[in-house]
Amino acid sequence: MMSRTVSSWILSSARSSIILQGKGRWYSICIPNRNKIKWKLVFSKTCPYPAGSCSLDRTFSFSKAFRHTSTEEEHFSFQLSPSQINDILRAGELSHRTLDLKGKNANSVLRFESNQLASNSPIEDRRSAATCLQTAGMMFGVFDGHAGAACAQAVSERLLHYIAVSLMPRQNLEEIELAVEAMKPVRPILQWHRHPNDVKYQEITSQYFENLRVYWQHLLDLDTEPGFSLEEAMICAFKRLDSDISLEVQAPQENELMRNIALQVAFSGATACVAHIDGVHLHVANTGDCRAVLGVREEDGTWSTLPLTRDHNAYDEFEIRRLKREHPRSEEKTLFVNDRLLGILMPSRAFGDVQLKWSKELQHSILENSCDVEALNIYQYVPPNYHTPPYLTAEPEVTYHKLRSKDKFLVIASDGLWEMLSNEKVVKLVAGHLTELNMQKPPLTFKKPVNLGYMHNLLLQRKSKGLASLDQNTATHLIRHAIGSNEYGEVDPEKLAAMLTLPEDLARMYRDDITVTVVHFNSETIEDYYRSHE
């Protein structure tokens, strides 16, 4: 059990509403709770919005398994067994190894591993991974929602399709359009790699498809061949999806459920980081403060870090200058207040968040003509000094990197990870974990004849060397260290247990939702590329 001093401090700090200083701001918000009202400490990237998220959200069933719902509970304990800790940390694990039809790997992506850990209830982060079926390459995305999970959910379902369609040759687009017109089956565009608990808006899939169709019809009308470069395709896809999110909520909608989803998507927000990998060609498109970092093993065996994104926020000089160029000089001092865009939002680029994109009149018109928006946690709030919208954009920055054999892995994660660990620490942890996994995997040498008893003994030997307790998923290893490391960089089981059992009204004070995807590269395939192009 956690030491009395630490556990007592955590509880007393919550019960006496101590304010902790950090990147974010704290707000005490009144939340209806069945038949009584209680005050709840909430951390939010969008300060004027109430706690909680869209009522249509669903989340992992494990997220509350060992968590307390309130610091007011009489019997409050931080005690968890090692197996319970592992159950929580590993519940969101996803992994996939890329193989061709002959069981070999000719792909530059050897495998990927992903995981999530909720702080918000429900979790507001989302993730996506898919193989392109009508074009080359694989895509990986991490999406960090705010003011609810609705926008992150929609973007995670739709953005990769918009990118894939942007990359497709004209002939493929024509074939798809003809198939839809003839009401024939459409050849799949993507092969998704999903966790069983990754949720999907089944109710609105048909509308999403129709709007995707409008987009590819637009591309066909452009009558340009060849189409976009990869960078252009990613930028166009990001901007088009954000435009569709804005237009969908303005369009007349008879179905109340679809109308409510469109409202929640538009009035919440999400940052996004998407990587497209095709052979040695790596493109990363980033909007907001998710991050992508490359782990590089140098010739002398040391590891270095190559960041592929910039955080779009008030700490970035390029973003400050960009916004000053886009707005009158009279607004220079009010663009960022308390290190937030208009004093509201931490990231300076995001999907959704129409409150920072629409005119006051349009916001008022849409919300006035909607149903009970308060039940959807949507409130009209116009910040001071709101004169020349839009202040926010979903346009991404795209970075290109040509993979080398020394580039071993790519880490894409929401800011919940980067708030806890530096770029260098993340690369060091992944590199060390890979070394440890390789060292602790004794070769299974078989004596003939092989029987079950002999195999059982070999597995026991492997278990005795600690392999069974080691995270096989690299993303899990990073999350474990992010929330459980002490000042020496070692995982403290007591701290880890405490961080996992924090009640919902306290967890957000200590950690954000964390989503991590680690993409491991196939060095042999990359070397083969350079040998064949000498």
Protein backbone atom coordinates (compact mmCIF):
# COMPACT_ATOMS: atom_id res chain seq x y z
CA MET A 1 0.00 0.00 0.00
CA MET A 2 1.15 3.52 -0.69
CA SER A 3 2.88 5.34 2.14
CA ARG A 4 0.53 7.14 4.53
CA THR A 5 2.25 10.47 3.89
CA VAL A 6 1.78 10.44 0.11
CA SER A 7 -1.75 9.04 0.11
CA SER A 8 -2.87 11.45 2.84
CA TRP A 9 -1.46 14.39 0.90
CA ILE A 10 -3.25 13.40 -2.30
CA LEU A 11 -6.60 13.04 -0.54
CA SER A 12 -6.27 16.17 1.55
CA SER A 13 -5.26 18.19 -1.50
CA ALA A 14 -8.42 17.08 -3.31
CA ARG A 15 -10.79 17.54 -0.38
CA SER A 16 -9.54 21.03 0.37
CA SER A 17 -9.57 21.97 -3.35
CA ILE A 18 -5.88 22.80 -3.56
CA ILE A 19 -5.03 24.37 -6.91
CA LEU A 20 -2.01 22.88 -8.65
CA GLN A 21 -0.08 25.00 -11.13
CA GLY A 22 0.89 23.54 -14.47
CA LYS A 23 0.36 23.81 -18.20
CA GLY A 24 -3.39 23.92 -17.78
CA ARG A 25 -5.87 25.84 -15.69
CA TRP A 26 -8.19 24.57 -13.02
CA TYR A 27 -11.86 25.30 -12.72
CA SER A 28 -14.37 24.37 -10.06
CA ILE A 29 -17.58 23.47 -11.83
CA CYS A 30 -21.02 22.59 -10.56
CA ILE A 31 -22.16 19.19 -11.85
CA PRO A 32 -25.68 17.76 -11.43
CA ASN A 33 -25.34 14.30 -9.88
CA ARG A 34 -28.70 12.51 -9.82
CA ASN A 35 -30.60 14.09 -6.94
CA LYS A 36 -27.85 16.29 -5.55
CA ILE A 37 -25.38 18.91 -6.68
CA LYS A 38 -21.69 18.55 -6.00
CA TRP A 39 -18.69 20.60 -6.99
CA LYS A 40 -16.07 18.88 -9.05
CA LEU A 41 -12.52 19.91 -9.84
CA VAL A 42 -11.98 19.67 -13.54
CA PHE A 43 -8.99 20.34 -15.74
CA SER A 44 -9.96 21.44 -19.22
CA LYS A 45 -8.13 22.61 -22.30
CA THR A 46 -11.22 24.68 -23.05
CA CYS A 47 -11.96 26.49 -19.84
CA PRO A 48 -15.52 27.83 -20.37
CA TYR A 49 -17.11 24.46 -21.01
CA PRO A 50 -18.69 22.35 -18.31
CA ALA A 51 -17.25 19.12 -17.06
CA GLY A 52 -18.11 15.84 -18.69
CA SER A 53 -18.34 15.10 -22.38
CA CYS A 54 -20.91 14.22 -24.97
CA SER A 55 -23.62 11.89 -23.81
CA LEU A 56 -23.21 9.73 -26.89
CA ASP A 57 -19.62 8.80 -26.03
CA ARG A 58 -18.69 5.28 -25.11
CA THR A 59 -15.44 4.13 -23.61
CA PHE A 60 -13.48 1.14 -22.37
CA SER A 61 -15.31 -0.85 -19.75
CA PHE A 62 -12.06 -1.34 -17.84
CA SER A 63 -11.55 2.36 -17.16
CA LYS A 64 -13.59 2.33 -13.95
CA ALA A 65 -12.70 -1.17 -12.82
CA PHE A 66 -10.40 -0.09 -10.01
CA ARG A 67 -11.04 3.65 -9.92
CA HIS A 68 -12.89 5.47 -7.17
CA THR A 69 -15.67 7.76 -8.32
CA SER A 70 -15.08 10.44 -5.70
CA THR A 71 -12.62 11.58 -3.04
CA GLU A 72 -15.59 11.62 -0.65
CA GLU A 73 -15.74 7.83 -0.45
CA GLU A 74 -15.34 6.54 3.08
CA HIS A 75 -13.14 3.54 2.25
CA PHE A 76 -10.49 4.97 -0.03
CA SER A 77 -7.51 2.81 -0.93
CA PHE A 78 -4.62 3.01 -3.37
CA GLN A 79 -3.90 -0.70 -3.06
CA LEU A 80 -3.65 -2.76 -6.24
CA SER A 81 -2.00 -6.08 -6.88
CA PRO A 82 0.61 -6.33 -9.67
CA SER A 83 -1.84 -8.35 -11.76
CA GLN A 84 -4.56 -5.71 -11.31
CA ILE A 85 -2.09 -3.00 -12.38
CA ASN A 86 -1.23 -5.00 -15.49
CA ASP A 87 -4.90 -5.60 -16.26
CA ILE A 88 -5.58 -1.86 -16.27
CA LEU A 89 -2.46 -0.89 -18.19
CA ARG A 90 -2.81 -3.61 -20.84
CA ALA A 91 -6.56 -3.47 -21.47
CA GLY A 92 -6.21 -1.10 -24.42
CA GLU A 93 -3.27 -2.83 -26.08
CA LEU A 94 -3.27 -3.22 -29.86
CA SER A 95 -0.49 -4.70 -31.98
CA HIS A 96 -0.12 -5.75 -35.58
CA ARG A 97 2.73 -7.30 -37.58
CA THR A 98 2.81 -6.66 -41.32
CA LEU A 99 3.26 -9.72 -43.53
CA ASP A 100 2.69 -10.34 -47.22
CA LEU A 101 0.82 -13.31 -48.65
CA LYS A 102 3.94 -15.49 -48.45
CA GLY A 103 4.40 -14.75 -44.75
CA LYS A 104 7.35 -12.44 -45.39
CA ASN A 105 7.72 -8.78 -44.61
CA ALA A 106 8.65 -6.59 -47.56
CA ASN A 107 7.10 -3.55 -45.89
CA SER A 108 9.20 -0.81 -44.29
CA VAL A 109 6.81 -1.11 -41.32
CA LEU A 110 7.76 -4.22 -39.39
CA ARG A 111 4.99 -3.91 -36.81
CA PHE A 112 3.18 -1.37 -34.68
CA GLU A 113 2.00 -1.35 -31.08
CA SER A 114 -0.53 0.97 -29.50
CA ASN A 115 -2.25 1.57 -26.17
CA GLN A 116 -4.44 4.06 -24.32
CA LEU A 117 -5.03 4.99 -20.69
CA ALA A 118 -7.98 7.14 -19.68
CA SER A 119 -7.90 10.00 -17.23
CA ASN A 120 -11.15 11.64 -18.34
CA SER A 121 -14.30 9.56 -18.02
CA PRO A 122 -15.01 8.77 -20.78
CA ILE A 123 -11.61 9.01 -22.46
CA GLU A 124 -11.37 11.86 -24.97
CA ASP A 125 -8.38 10.51 -26.95
CA ARG A 126 -8.80 8.39 -30.07
CA ARG A 127 -6.42 6.49 -32.39
CA SER A 128 -6.47 5.02 -35.90
CA ALA A 129 -4.32 2.67 -37.93
CA ALA A 130 -4.97 1.40 -41.44
CA THR A 131 -3.36 -0.09 -44.53
CA CYS A 132 -4.16 1.63 -47.82
CA LEU A 133 -5.76 -0.86 -50.24
CA GLN A 134 -6.11 1.26 -53.39
CA THR A 135 -2.90 3.22 -52.93
CA ALA A 136 0.41 2.33 -51.30
CA GLY A 137 1.33 2.75 -47.66
CA MET A 138 0.06 2.61 -44.09
CA MET A 139 -1.37 5.38 -41.92
CA PHE A 140 -1.32 5.91 -38.16
CA GLY A 141 -3.19 8.64 -36.29
CA VAL A 142 -3.53 9.93 -32.74
CA PHE A 143 -6.33 12.37 -31.88
CA ASP A 144 -6.63 14.35 -28.65
CA GLY A 145 -10.16 15.57 -27.96
CA HIS A 146 -11.23 18.44 -25.73
CA ALA A 147 -14.64 19.59 -24.46
CA GLY A 148 -15.75 15.99 -24.98
CA ALA A 149 -14.72 13.13 -27.24
CA ALA A 150 -17.17 13.70 -30.10
CA CYS A 151 -14.83 15.57 -32.45
CA ALA A 152 -11.88 13.22 -31.84
CA GLN A 153 -14.21 10.28 -32.48
CA ALA A 154 -15.42 11.67 -35.81
CA VAL A 155 -11.94 12.66 -36.98
CA SER A 156 -10.49 9.25 -36.07
CA GLU A 157 -13.17 7.55 -38.19
CA ARG A 158 -13.01 9.87 -41.18
CA LEU A 159 -9.64 11.55 -41.68
CA LEU A 160 -7.71 8.55 -43.00
CA HIS A 161 -10.42 8.00 -45.62
CA TYR A 162 -10.15 11.63 -46.74
CA ILE A 163 -6.37 11.27 -47.08
CA ALA A 164 -6.67 7.98 -48.99
CA VAL A 165 -9.25 9.43 -51.39
CA SER A 166 -7.01 12.47 -51.95
CA LEU A 167 -4.20 10.12 -53.04
CA MET A 168 -6.22 7.89 -55.34
CA PRO A 169 -5.70 8.06 -59.13
CA ARG A 170 -8.54 9.47 -61.17
CA GLN A 171 -9.35 6.02 -62.62
CA ASN A 172 -9.92 4.57 -59.14
CA LEU A 173 -12.19 7.47 -58.17
CA GLU A 174 -14.21 7.00 -61.35
CA GLU A 175 -14.58 3.26 -60.63
CA ILE A 176 -15.84 3.97 -57.11
CA GLU A 177 -18.31 6.60 -58.34
CA LEU A 178 -19.67 4.26 -61.01
CA ALA A 179 -20.09 1.48 -58.45
CA VAL A 180 -22.01 3.76 -56.08
CA GLU A 181 -24.23 5.04 -58.90
CA ALA A 182 -25.02 1.46 -59.93
CA MET A 183 -25.60 0.50 -56.27
CA LYS A 184 -22.85 -2.10 -56.52
CA PRO A 185 -20.37 -2.98 -53.76
CA VAL A 186 -17.46 -0.55 -53.47
CA ARG A 187 -13.97 -1.95 -53.25
CA PRO A 188 -12.58 -1.14 -49.76
CA ILE A 189 -10.28 1.86 -49.54
CA LEU A 190 -8.67 0.99 -46.20
CA GLN A 191 -8.01 -2.08 -44.10
CA TRP A 192 -8.48 -0.93 -40.50
CA HIS A 193 -6.44 -2.24 -37.58
CA ARG A 194 -8.68 -1.72 -34.56
CA HIS A 195 -8.88 -2.70 -30.92
CA PRO A 196 -12.20 -4.43 -30.10
CA ASN A 197 -13.06 -1.52 -27.78
CA ASP A 198 -12.32 1.21 -30.32
CA VAL A 199 -15.78 2.72 -30.70
CA LYS A 200 -17.51 3.81 -33.90
CA TYR A 201 -20.50 6.02 -34.68
CA GLN A 202 -22.56 3.33 -36.43
CA GLU A 203 -25.62 5.59 -36.52
CA ILE A 204 -24.04 8.21 -38.77
CA THR A 205 -21.76 6.08 -40.98
CA SER A 206 -24.00 6.52 -44.06
CA GLN A 207 -23.91 10.31 -43.76
CA TYR A 208 -20.13 10.27 -43.39
CA PHE A 209 -19.90 8.13 -46.53
CA GLU A 210 -22.15 10.50 -48.49
CA ASN A 211 -19.99 13.48 -47.58
CA LEU A 212 -16.85 11.55 -48.49
CA ARG A 213 -18.50 10.85 -51.84
CA VAL A 214 -19.14 14.57 -52.35
CA TYR A 215 -15.43 15.11 -51.74
CA TRP A 216 -14.26 12.58 -54.34
CA GLN A 217 -16.80 14.01 -56.79
CA HIS A 218 -15.15 17.38 -56.20
CA LEU A 219 -11.75 15.81 -56.94
CA LEU A 220 -13.12 14.35 -60.17
CA ASP A 221 -14.46 17.77 -61.17
CA LEU A 222 -10.96 19.23 -60.80
CA ASP A 223 -9.96 17.23 -63.88
CA THR A 224 -6.28 17.18 -62.91
CA GLU A 225 -3.94 14.25 -63.52
CA PRO A 226 -1.74 13.30 -61.78
CA GLY A 227 -3.42 14.36 -58.55
CA PHE A 228 -1.99 15.79 -55.37
CA SER A 229 1.46 15.24 -53.97
CA LEU A 230 1.34 13.47 -50.64
CA GLU A 231 1.86 16.71 -48.74
CA GLU A 232 -0.91 18.42 -50.70
CA ALA A 233 -3.22 15.44 -50.19
CA MET A 234 -2.79 15.51 -46.41
CA ILE A 235 -3.31 19.27 -46.17
CA CYS A 236 -6.37 19.13 -48.43
CA ALA A 237 -7.86 16.20 -46.50
CA PHE A 238 -7.44 17.91 -43.10
CA LYS A 239 -8.99 21.16 -44.32
CA ARG A 240 -11.84 19.46 -46.20
CA LEU A 241 -12.85 17.31 -43.24
CA ASP A 242 -12.88 20.31 -40.92
CA SER A 243 -15.01 22.18 -43.44
CA ASP A 244 -17.43 19.24 -43.63
CA ILE A 245 -17.69 19.13 -39.83
CA SER A 246 -18.68 22.81 -39.89
CA LEU A 247 -21.16 22.44 -42.76
CA GLU A 248 -22.85 19.29 -41.41
CA VAL A 249 -24.08 21.07 -38.31
CA GLN A 250 -25.46 23.94 -40.42
CA ALA A 251 -27.38 21.66 -42.79
CA PRO A 252 -31.05 20.85 -42.07
CA GLN A 253 -31.29 17.50 -40.31
CA GLU A 254 -34.54 15.69 -39.60
CA ASN A 255 -32.92 12.88 -37.62
CA GLU A 256 -32.49 14.20 -34.08
CA LEU A 257 -29.70 11.75 -33.15
CA MET A 258 -27.63 12.73 -36.20
CA ARG A 259 -28.30 16.39 -35.48
CA ASN A 260 -27.07 15.98 -31.91
CA ILE A 261 -23.93 14.15 -33.00
CA ALA A 262 -23.16 16.86 -35.56
CA LEU A 263 -23.59 19.52 -32.87
CA GLN A 264 -21.32 17.74 -30.43
CA VAL A 265 -18.66 17.12 -33.06
CA ALA A 266 -18.60 20.76 -34.20
CA PHE A 267 -18.70 22.32 -30.73
CA SER A 268 -16.03 20.05 -29.26
CA GLY A 269 -12.54 19.89 -30.72
CA ALA A 270 -9.58 17.65 -31.47
CA THR A 271 -5.92 17.92 -32.34
CA ALA A 272 -4.50 15.35 -34.75
CA CYS A 273 -1.20 13.82 -35.78
CA VAL A 274 -1.16 11.40 -38.73
CA ALA A 275 1.80 9.55 -40.23
CA HIS A 276 1.74 8.11 -43.77
CA ILE A 277 4.48 5.56 -44.49
CA ASP A 278 5.13 4.25 -47.99
CA GLY A 279 8.45 2.44 -48.35
CA VAL A 280 11.17 4.86 -47.24
CA HIS A 281 8.85 7.86 -47.56
CA LEU A 282 7.49 9.13 -44.26
CA HIS A 283 5.09 12.08 -44.11
CA VAL A 284 3.70 13.39 -40.82
CA ALA A 285 0.79 15.86 -40.77
CA ASN A 286 0.19 17.61 -37.46
CA THR A 287 -2.52 19.96 -36.23
CA GLY A 288 -2.21 20.95 -32.56
CA ASP A 289 -0.09 19.50 -29.78
CA CYS A 290 0.09 15.77 -30.40
CA ARG A 291 3.63 14.84 -31.33
CA ALA A 292 5.68 12.47 -33.53
CA VAL A 293 9.28 11.60 -32.68
CA LEU A 294 11.72 9.35 -34.50
CA GLY A 295 14.13 7.05 -32.64
CA VAL A 296 17.51 6.87 -34.42
CA ARG A 297 20.30 4.42 -33.64
CA GLU A 298 23.64 5.97 -34.61
CA GLU A 299 26.62 4.05 -35.95
CA ASP A 300 28.33 4.08 -32.53
CA GLY A 301 25.29 2.40 -30.93
CA THR A 302 23.99 5.53 -29.20
CA TRP A 303 20.42 6.75 -29.66
CA SER A 304 19.31 10.15 -30.89
CA THR A 305 15.93 11.83 -31.24
CA LEU A 306 14.46 13.45 -34.34
CA PRO A 307 11.23 15.42 -33.72
CA LEU A 308 8.95 15.49 -36.76
CA THR A 309 6.33 17.92 -35.41
CA ARG A 310 6.04 21.26 -33.64
CA ASP A 311 3.51 21.86 -30.88
CA HIS A 312 1.04 24.46 -32.13
CA ASN A 313 0.44 26.61 -29.06
CA ALA A 314 1.36 29.89 -27.38
CA TYR A 315 4.88 28.64 -26.65
CA ASP A 316 5.72 28.40 -30.36
CA GLU A 317 7.06 31.61 -31.91
CA PHE A 318 6.05 30.56 -35.43
CA GLU A 319 2.42 30.17 -34.34
CA ILE A 320 2.41 33.53 -32.59
CA ARG A 321 3.75 35.23 -35.70
CA ARG A 322 1.28 33.38 -37.94
CA LEU A 323 -1.72 34.51 -35.89
CA LYS A 324 -0.46 38.09 -35.73
CA ARG A 325 -0.21 38.13 -39.53
CA GLU A 326 -3.80 36.90 -39.85
CA HIS A 327 -5.39 39.47 -37.51
CA PRO A 328 -5.27 43.24 -37.06
CA ARG A 329 -2.47 44.82 -35.07
CA SER A 330 -5.06 46.05 -32.58
CA GLU A 331 -5.59 42.42 -31.48
CA GLU A 332 -1.94 41.51 -30.92
CA LYS A 333 -2.20 41.67 -27.13
CA THR A 334 -5.44 39.69 -26.92
CA LEU A 335 -4.70 36.80 -29.30
CA PHE A 336 -3.01 34.87 -26.49
CA VAL A 337 -4.13 35.42 -22.89
CA ASN A 338 -2.57 33.34 -20.13
CA ASP A 339 -0.83 31.25 -22.82
CA ARG A 340 -4.14 30.29 -24.42
CA LEU A 341 -5.73 31.30 -27.70
CA LEU A 342 -8.13 34.14 -26.71
CA GLY A 343 -7.66 32.90 -23.16
CA ILE A 344 -9.65 29.76 -24.07
CA LEU A 345 -7.73 27.04 -25.87
CA MET A 346 -4.25 25.65 -25.35
CA PRO A 347 -3.60 24.40 -28.93
CA SER A 348 -3.69 27.03 -31.68
CA ARG A 349 -4.77 24.53 -34.38
CA ALA A 350 -7.59 22.01 -34.09
CA PHE A 351 -10.57 20.36 -35.76
CA GLY A 352 -14.04 21.46 -34.67
CA ASP A 353 -14.14 24.23 -32.05
CA VAL A 354 -16.51 26.29 -34.20
CA GLN A 355 -16.80 28.74 -31.29
CA LEU A 356 -13.39 30.06 -32.40
CA LYS A 357 -14.11 29.87 -36.15
CA TRP A 358 -17.67 31.08 -36.74
CA SER A 359 -19.07 34.58 -36.47
CA LYS A 360 -21.07 35.41 -33.36
CA GLU A 361 -24.21 35.61 -35.47
CA LEU A 362 -23.79 32.13 -36.96
CA GLN A 363 -23.13 30.58 -33.54
CA HIS A 364 -26.24 32.23 -32.13
CA SER A 365 -28.37 31.12 -35.09
CA ILE A 366 -27.31 27.47 -34.91
CA LEU A 367 -27.72 27.14 -31.15
CA GLU A 368 -31.02 29.04 -31.05
CA ASN A 369 -32.52 26.63 -33.58
CA SER A 370 -31.23 23.50 -31.85
CA CYS A 371 -32.88 21.34 -29.24
CA ASP A 372 -31.76 21.21 -25.63
CA VAL A 373 -28.09 21.97 -26.21
CA GLU A 374 -27.40 22.14 -22.47
CA ALA A 375 -28.17 18.42 -22.26
CA LEU A 376 -25.41 17.92 -24.83
CA ASN A 377 -22.96 19.99 -22.74
CA ILE A 378 -22.92 22.72 -25.39
CA TYR A 379 -23.02 26.30 -24.19
CA GLN A 380 -22.77 29.49 -26.18
CA TYR A 381 -19.74 31.42 -25.03
CA VAL A 382 -18.16 34.26 -26.95
CA PRO A 383 -14.79 35.23 -25.46
CA PRO A 384 -13.81 38.87 -25.00
CA ASN A 385 -12.05 40.50 -27.95
CA TYR A 386 -13.70 38.17 -30.47
CA HIS A 387 -13.62 40.45 -33.51
CA THR A 388 -12.10 38.78 -36.61
CA PRO A 389 -12.81 35.05 -36.71
CA PRO A 390 -11.66 32.49 -37.59
CA TYR A 391 -8.93 32.38 -34.95
CA LEU A 392 -8.40 28.65 -35.27
CA THR A 393 -7.46 26.42 -38.21
CA ALA A 394 -7.22 22.68 -38.81
CA GLU A 395 -4.59 23.13 -41.54
CA PRO A 396 -1.67 20.84 -40.68
CA GLU A 397 2.05 21.25 -40.96
CA VAL A 398 3.45 18.37 -43.02
CA THR A 399 6.98 17.07 -42.49
CA TYR A 400 8.71 14.76 -44.94
CA HIS A 401 11.51 12.38 -43.89
CA LYS A 402 13.25 9.77 -46.02
CA LEU A 403 13.78 6.74 -43.83
CA ARG A 404 17.28 5.39 -43.30
CA SER A 405 18.31 2.01 -41.93
CA LYS A 406 19.29 3.70 -38.67
CA ASP A 407 15.72 4.99 -38.16
CA LYS A 408 14.31 2.27 -35.92
CA PHE A 409 10.93 3.46 -34.67
CA LEU A 410 8.38 6.28 -34.68
CA VAL A 411 6.42 7.31 -31.58
CA ILE A 412 3.13 9.20 -32.09
CA ALA A 413 1.34 10.24 -28.91
CA SER A 414 -1.13 12.68 -27.42
CA ASP A 415 0.20 15.40 -25.14
CA GLY A 416 -0.70 13.28 -22.10
CA LEU A 417 2.56 11.39 -22.72
CA TRP A 418 4.72 14.39 -23.59
CA GLU A 419 3.63 16.29 -20.47
CA MET A 420 5.19 13.46 -18.45
CA LEU A 421 8.19 12.46 -20.58
CA SER A 422 10.58 14.37 -22.82
CA ASN A 423 11.29 13.35 -26.41
CA GLU A 424 14.71 12.07 -25.37
CA LYS A 425 13.32 10.08 -22.45
CA VAL A 426 10.71 8.43 -24.68
CA VAL A 427 13.33 7.33 -27.23
CA LYS A 428 15.58 6.08 -24.44
CA LEU A 429 12.75 4.07 -22.89
CA VAL A 430 11.75 2.46 -26.18
CA ALA A 431 15.36 1.65 -27.07
CA GLY A 432 16.03 0.16 -23.64
CA HIS A 433 12.82 -1.83 -23.74
CA LEU A 434 13.66 -3.34 -27.13
CA THR A 435 17.11 -4.33 -25.86
CA GLU A 436 15.60 -5.85 -22.73
CA LEU A 437 13.05 -7.83 -24.73
CA ASN A 438 15.76 -9.24 -26.99
CA MET A 439 18.02 -10.12 -24.06
CA GLN A 440 15.29 -11.85 -22.12
CA LYS A 441 14.09 -13.99 -25.01
CA PRO A 442 16.16 -17.17 -24.78
CA PRO A 443 16.07 -19.18 -27.99
CA LEU A 444 13.69 -22.11 -27.83
CA THR A 445 16.08 -24.93 -28.74
CA PHE A 446 14.21 -28.18 -29.09
CA LYS A 447 15.48 -31.65 -28.32
CA LYS A 448 13.94 -34.39 -30.35
CA PRO A 449 11.44 -35.76 -29.77
CA VAL A 450 9.57 -32.68 -28.49
CA ASN A 451 6.82 -33.36 -25.95
CA LEU A 452 4.48 -31.18 -23.93
CA GLY A 453 6.46 -31.65 -20.73
CA TYR A 454 9.65 -30.42 -22.38
CA MET A 455 7.87 -27.39 -23.84
CA HIS A 456 6.36 -26.62 -20.45
CA ASN A 457 9.79 -26.62 -18.81
CA LEU A 458 11.17 -24.26 -21.47
CA LEU A 459 8.31 -21.82 -20.87
CA LEU A 460 8.89 -22.00 -17.11
CA GLN A 461 12.56 -21.17 -17.66
CA ARG A 462 11.60 -18.16 -19.73
CA LYS A 463 9.09 -17.04 -17.09
CA SER A 464 11.67 -17.39 -14.31
CA LYS A 465 13.92 -14.96 -16.19
CA GLY A 466 11.26 -12.28 -15.89
CA LEU A 467 9.91 -12.23 -19.42
CA ALA A 468 6.34 -12.87 -18.31
CA SER A 469 6.29 -9.70 -16.19
CA LEU A 470 7.80 -7.53 -18.93
CA ASP A 471 5.41 -5.52 -21.12
CA GLN A 472 5.41 -7.01 -24.59
CA ASN A 473 3.73 -3.87 -25.93
CA THR A 474 6.14 -0.91 -26.15
CA ALA A 475 3.30 1.62 -25.84
CA THR A 476 2.31 0.05 -22.51
CA HIS A 477 5.92 0.33 -21.34
CA LEU A 478 5.86 4.07 -22.09
CA ILE A 479 2.55 4.63 -20.30
CA ARG A 480 3.78 2.67 -17.27
CA HIS A 481 6.83 4.93 -17.00
CA ALA A 482 4.88 8.10 -17.76
CA ILE A 483 2.61 7.76 -14.75
CA GLY A 484 4.72 5.59 -12.44
CA SER A 485 8.31 6.85 -12.64
CA ASN A 486 10.04 8.32 -9.62
CA GLU A 487 12.77 10.99 -9.62
CA TYR A 488 15.34 8.34 -10.58
CA GLY A 489 13.42 7.29 -13.69
CA GLU A 490 12.40 3.96 -12.19
CA VAL A 491 8.81 2.73 -11.92
CA ASP A 492 7.57 3.03 -8.34
CA PRO A 493 4.83 0.39 -7.82
CA GLU A 494 3.20 2.46 -5.07
CA LYS A 495 3.04 5.60 -7.20
CA LEU A 496 1.79 3.57 -10.16
CA ALA A 497 -1.02 2.06 -8.07
CA ALA A 498 -1.98 5.49 -6.74
CA MET A 499 -2.11 7.05 -10.20
CA LEU A 500 -4.34 4.24 -11.48
CA THR A 501 -6.81 4.35 -8.59
CA LEU A 502 -7.22 8.12 -8.37
CA PRO A 503 -10.93 9.00 -8.33
CA GLU A 504 -12.47 10.64 -11.34
CA ASP A 505 -12.66 14.05 -9.65
CA LEU A 506 -8.92 13.96 -8.94
CA ALA A 507 -7.23 11.97 -11.73
CA ARG A 508 -7.20 14.88 -14.19
CA MET A 509 -5.17 16.93 -11.72
CA TYR A 510 -2.28 14.50 -12.06
CA ARG A 511 -2.44 13.14 -15.60
CA ASP A 512 -4.21 13.54 -18.92
CA ASP A 513 -5.58 10.85 -21.21
CA ILE A 514 -2.60 9.12 -22.81
CA THR A 515 -2.58 7.52 -26.26
CA VAL A 516 0.61 6.08 -27.74
CA THR A 517 1.39 4.34 -31.04
CA VAL A 518 4.89 2.99 -31.69
CA VAL A 519 5.75 2.05 -35.28
CA HIS A 520 8.78 -0.23 -35.67
CA PHE A 521 10.65 -0.07 -38.97
CA ASN A 522 12.11 -2.96 -40.96
CA SER A 523 15.79 -2.04 -41.40
CA GLU A 524 16.41 -4.84 -43.90
CA THR A 525 13.66 -3.62 -46.22
CA ILE A 526 14.98 -0.06 -46.00
CA GLU A 527 18.53 -1.24 -46.76
CA ASP A 528 17.23 -3.24 -49.73
CA TYR A 529 15.64 -0.08 -51.11
CA TYR A 530 18.94 1.81 -51.06
CA ARG A 531 20.85 -1.13 -52.53
CA SER A 532 18.41 -1.38 -55.43
CA HIS A 533 18.62 2.38 -56.06
CA GLU A 534 22.40 2.70 -56.05
